[in-house]
Amino acid sequence: MVQKSIQKEESTIASGLDSKDLAILRLLQANARVTVKEIADKVGLSTTPVHERIKRLEEDGVITQYATLVNPHKVKKGLTVICYVSLKQHNKNAGARFIKSILEMHEVIECYNISGEFDFMLKVVAENMDDYYNFHVNKLSEADNIGHVQSVFVMGIIKQTHVLVY
């Protein structure tokens, strides 16, 4: 257990983040609207160093954006579908055209280039099954170079988090 703790601390130091940076990241991940003063009080620094650390974390690309998480049911997007997609052709231009089309589809909220039987995994949100069917038939299936699509419907969410730093 001590060895794991030492390894974790070494990897943190190697990445340029110290315990104060990690504490700041934990607080911002829990609530991106937390004030610099509140962070300073909780991590034991004054507001100026906290502000400077946050700016550095942003400039270094550790913090990539601030976002508002929305309950999908409250905005009529209660159906979540995982779509596995394989392409017909596997060359740079064909892949780029597919990616360009996916970036324009607002129903697709996440897209991963994956290994294995499929080339991409999409997380799609829709109002209901009819809405998803319309998306599948009129948008996804019309995308250039689609070979095969397998849809998996999310029955329930067991764990969902955006927290990366513990």
Protein backbone atom coordinates (compact mmCIF):
# COMPACT_ATOMS: atom_id res chain seq x y z
CA MET A 1 0.00 0.00 0.00
CA VAL A 2 2.84 2.39 0.86
CA GLN A 3 4.56 1.55 -2.45
CA LYS A 4 1.40 2.43 -4.43
CA SER A 5 1.17 5.73 -2.57
CA ILE A 6 4.81 6.53 -3.36
CA GLN A 7 4.34 5.61 -7.03
CA LYS A 8 1.22 7.77 -7.23
CA GLU A 9 3.06 10.69 -5.64
CA GLU A 10 6.04 10.23 -8.00
CA SER A 11 3.79 10.21 -11.08
CA THR A 12 2.08 13.34 -9.79
CA ILE A 13 5.38 15.11 -9.28
CA ALA A 14 6.56 13.92 -12.71
CA SER A 15 3.46 15.43 -14.32
CA GLY A 16 4.20 18.78 -12.67
CA LEU A 17 1.20 18.76 -10.35
CA ASP A 18 1.63 18.98 -6.61
CA SER A 19 -0.85 18.25 -3.83
CA LYS A 20 -2.22 21.82 -3.91
CA ASP A 21 -2.84 21.58 -7.69
CA LEU A 22 -4.64 18.28 -7.19
CA ALA A 23 -6.74 19.72 -4.37
CA ILE A 24 -7.70 22.66 -6.60
CA LEU A 25 -8.63 20.27 -9.41
CA ARG A 26 -10.77 18.16 -7.07
CA LEU A 27 -12.67 21.25 -5.92
CA LEU A 28 -13.20 22.56 -9.46
CA GLN A 29 -14.38 19.15 -10.68
CA ALA A 30 -16.91 19.00 -7.86
CA ASN A 31 -18.17 22.53 -8.61
CA ALA A 32 -16.70 24.63 -11.42
CA ARG A 33 -18.47 27.68 -9.99
CA VAL A 34 -16.54 27.56 -6.70
CA THR A 35 -14.84 30.90 -6.09
CA VAL A 36 -11.11 31.41 -5.87
CA LYS A 37 -11.60 32.57 -2.29
CA GLU A 38 -13.44 29.37 -1.37
CA ILE A 39 -10.70 27.28 -2.99
CA ALA A 40 -8.00 29.29 -1.20
CA ASP A 41 -9.69 28.72 2.15
CA LYS A 42 -9.94 24.96 1.55
CA VAL A 43 -6.40 24.39 0.24
CA GLY A 44 -4.63 26.69 2.69
CA LEU A 45 -3.33 29.30 0.24
CA SER A 46 -4.18 32.93 -0.36
CA THR A 47 -6.28 33.90 -3.37
CA THR A 48 -3.40 35.15 -5.56
CA PRO A 49 -1.46 31.85 -5.65
CA VAL A 50 -4.69 29.93 -6.21
CA HIS A 51 -5.61 32.21 -9.11
CA GLU A 52 -2.10 31.81 -10.58
CA ARG A 53 -2.26 28.01 -10.22
CA ILE A 54 -5.66 27.86 -11.94
CA LYS A 55 -4.34 30.03 -14.80
CA ARG A 56 -1.30 27.75 -15.13
CA LEU A 57 -3.52 24.65 -15.14
CA GLU A 58 -5.59 26.23 -17.92
CA GLU A 59 -2.55 27.34 -19.95
CA ASP A 60 -0.90 23.92 -19.57
CA GLY A 61 -4.04 22.23 -20.87
CA VAL A 62 -4.75 20.38 -17.63
CA ILE A 63 -8.07 22.23 -17.37
CA THR A 64 -9.55 22.11 -20.85
CA GLN A 65 -12.94 23.71 -20.26
CA TYR A 66 -15.64 24.49 -17.76
CA ALA A 67 -19.05 22.96 -18.41
CA THR A 68 -22.57 22.72 -17.12
CA LEU A 69 -23.88 19.17 -16.76
CA VAL A 70 -27.52 18.89 -17.83
CA ASN A 71 -30.01 16.22 -16.79
CA PRO A 72 -30.95 14.64 -20.16
CA HIS A 73 -34.48 13.78 -18.99
CA LYS A 74 -35.19 17.45 -18.20
CA VAL A 75 -34.37 18.44 -21.81
CA LYS A 76 -36.20 15.53 -23.45
CA LYS A 77 -33.09 13.48 -24.25
CA GLY A 78 -33.91 10.48 -22.07
CA LEU A 79 -32.72 7.76 -24.47
CA THR A 80 -28.99 7.03 -24.56
CA VAL A 81 -27.61 4.75 -27.25
CA ILE A 82 -24.10 3.43 -27.73
CA CYS A 83 -23.42 2.95 -31.45
CA TYR A 84 -20.54 0.87 -32.68
CA VAL A 85 -19.58 1.83 -36.22
CA SER A 86 -17.27 0.14 -38.68
CA LEU A 87 -16.21 1.84 -41.88
CA LYS A 88 -16.09 0.30 -45.35
CA GLN A 89 -12.72 1.84 -46.20
CA HIS A 90 -9.84 2.39 -43.81
CA ASN A 91 -7.80 5.21 -45.22
CA LYS A 92 -7.04 8.67 -43.91
CA ASN A 93 -9.44 10.55 -46.21
CA ALA A 94 -12.37 8.19 -45.66
CA GLY A 95 -11.90 8.37 -41.90
CA ALA A 96 -11.64 12.16 -41.99
CA ARG A 97 -14.91 12.44 -43.95
CA PHE A 98 -16.69 10.23 -41.43
CA ILE A 99 -15.33 12.24 -38.50
CA LYS A 100 -16.38 15.52 -40.15
CA SER A 101 -19.94 14.23 -40.53
CA ILE A 102 -20.08 13.01 -36.93
CA LEU A 103 -18.89 16.40 -35.63
CA GLU A 104 -21.94 17.98 -37.29
CA MET A 105 -24.47 15.63 -35.65
CA HIS A 106 -25.72 17.22 -32.44
CA GLU A 107 -27.22 13.90 -31.29
CA VAL A 108 -23.70 12.48 -30.98
CA ILE A 109 -22.33 13.73 -27.67
CA GLU A 110 -19.20 11.55 -27.58
CA CYS A 111 -17.19 9.81 -30.27
CA TYR A 112 -14.23 7.51 -29.72
CA ASN A 113 -11.90 5.94 -32.28
CA ILE A 114 -11.58 2.39 -30.95
CA SER A 115 -9.74 -0.84 -31.70
CA GLY A 116 -11.30 -4.22 -32.31
CA GLU A 117 -14.23 -5.23 -34.48
CA PHE A 118 -15.52 -1.66 -34.82
CA ASP A 119 -13.75 1.57 -35.68
CA PHE A 120 -15.77 4.07 -33.66
CA MET A 121 -17.99 4.14 -30.61
CA LEU A 122 -20.59 6.90 -30.43
CA LYS A 123 -22.68 8.00 -27.50
CA VAL A 124 -25.96 9.27 -28.89
CA VAL A 125 -28.83 10.95 -27.07
CA ALA A 126 -32.38 11.08 -28.36
CA GLU A 127 -35.82 11.95 -27.08
CA ASN A 128 -37.22 8.45 -27.62
CA MET A 129 -36.97 5.41 -29.90
CA ASP A 130 -38.70 7.18 -32.81
CA ASP A 131 -36.26 10.08 -32.52
CA TYR A 132 -33.31 7.67 -32.49
CA TYR A 133 -34.70 5.77 -35.48
CA ASN A 134 -34.92 9.05 -37.39
CA PHE A 135 -31.32 9.87 -36.46
CA HIS A 136 -30.10 6.39 -37.45
CA VAL A 137 -31.89 6.26 -40.80
CA ASN A 138 -31.60 9.89 -41.91
CA LYS A 139 -28.26 10.96 -40.49
CA LEU A 140 -25.95 8.21 -39.32
CA SER A 141 -26.70 5.79 -42.16
CA GLU A 142 -26.25 8.61 -44.66
CA ALA A 143 -22.75 9.41 -43.42
CA ASP A 144 -20.03 8.65 -45.93
CA ASN A 145 -18.27 5.28 -45.72
CA ILE A 146 -20.51 3.56 -43.13
CA GLY A 147 -20.00 -0.19 -43.22
CA HIS A 148 -21.88 -1.54 -40.22
CA VAL A 149 -23.65 -0.03 -37.21
CA GLN A 150 -24.58 -1.86 -34.03
CA SER A 151 -26.79 -0.01 -31.55
CA VAL A 152 -26.88 -0.82 -27.84
CA PHE A 153 -29.56 0.87 -25.75
CA VAL A 154 -28.67 2.03 -22.26
CA MET A 155 -31.10 0.52 -19.75
CA GLY A 156 -29.69 2.28 -16.71
CA ILE A 157 -26.64 4.19 -15.60
CA ILE A 158 -24.61 2.54 -12.86
CA LYS A 159 -21.76 5.06 -12.72
CA GLN A 160 -21.22 8.28 -14.59
CA THR A 161 -18.57 10.78 -13.64
CA HIS A 162 -16.36 13.46 -15.09
CA VAL A 163 -13.93 13.38 -12.18
CA LEU A 164 -10.36 12.39 -13.17
CA VAL A 165 -8.34 13.49 -10.14
CA TYR A 166 -8.92 11.67 -6.84
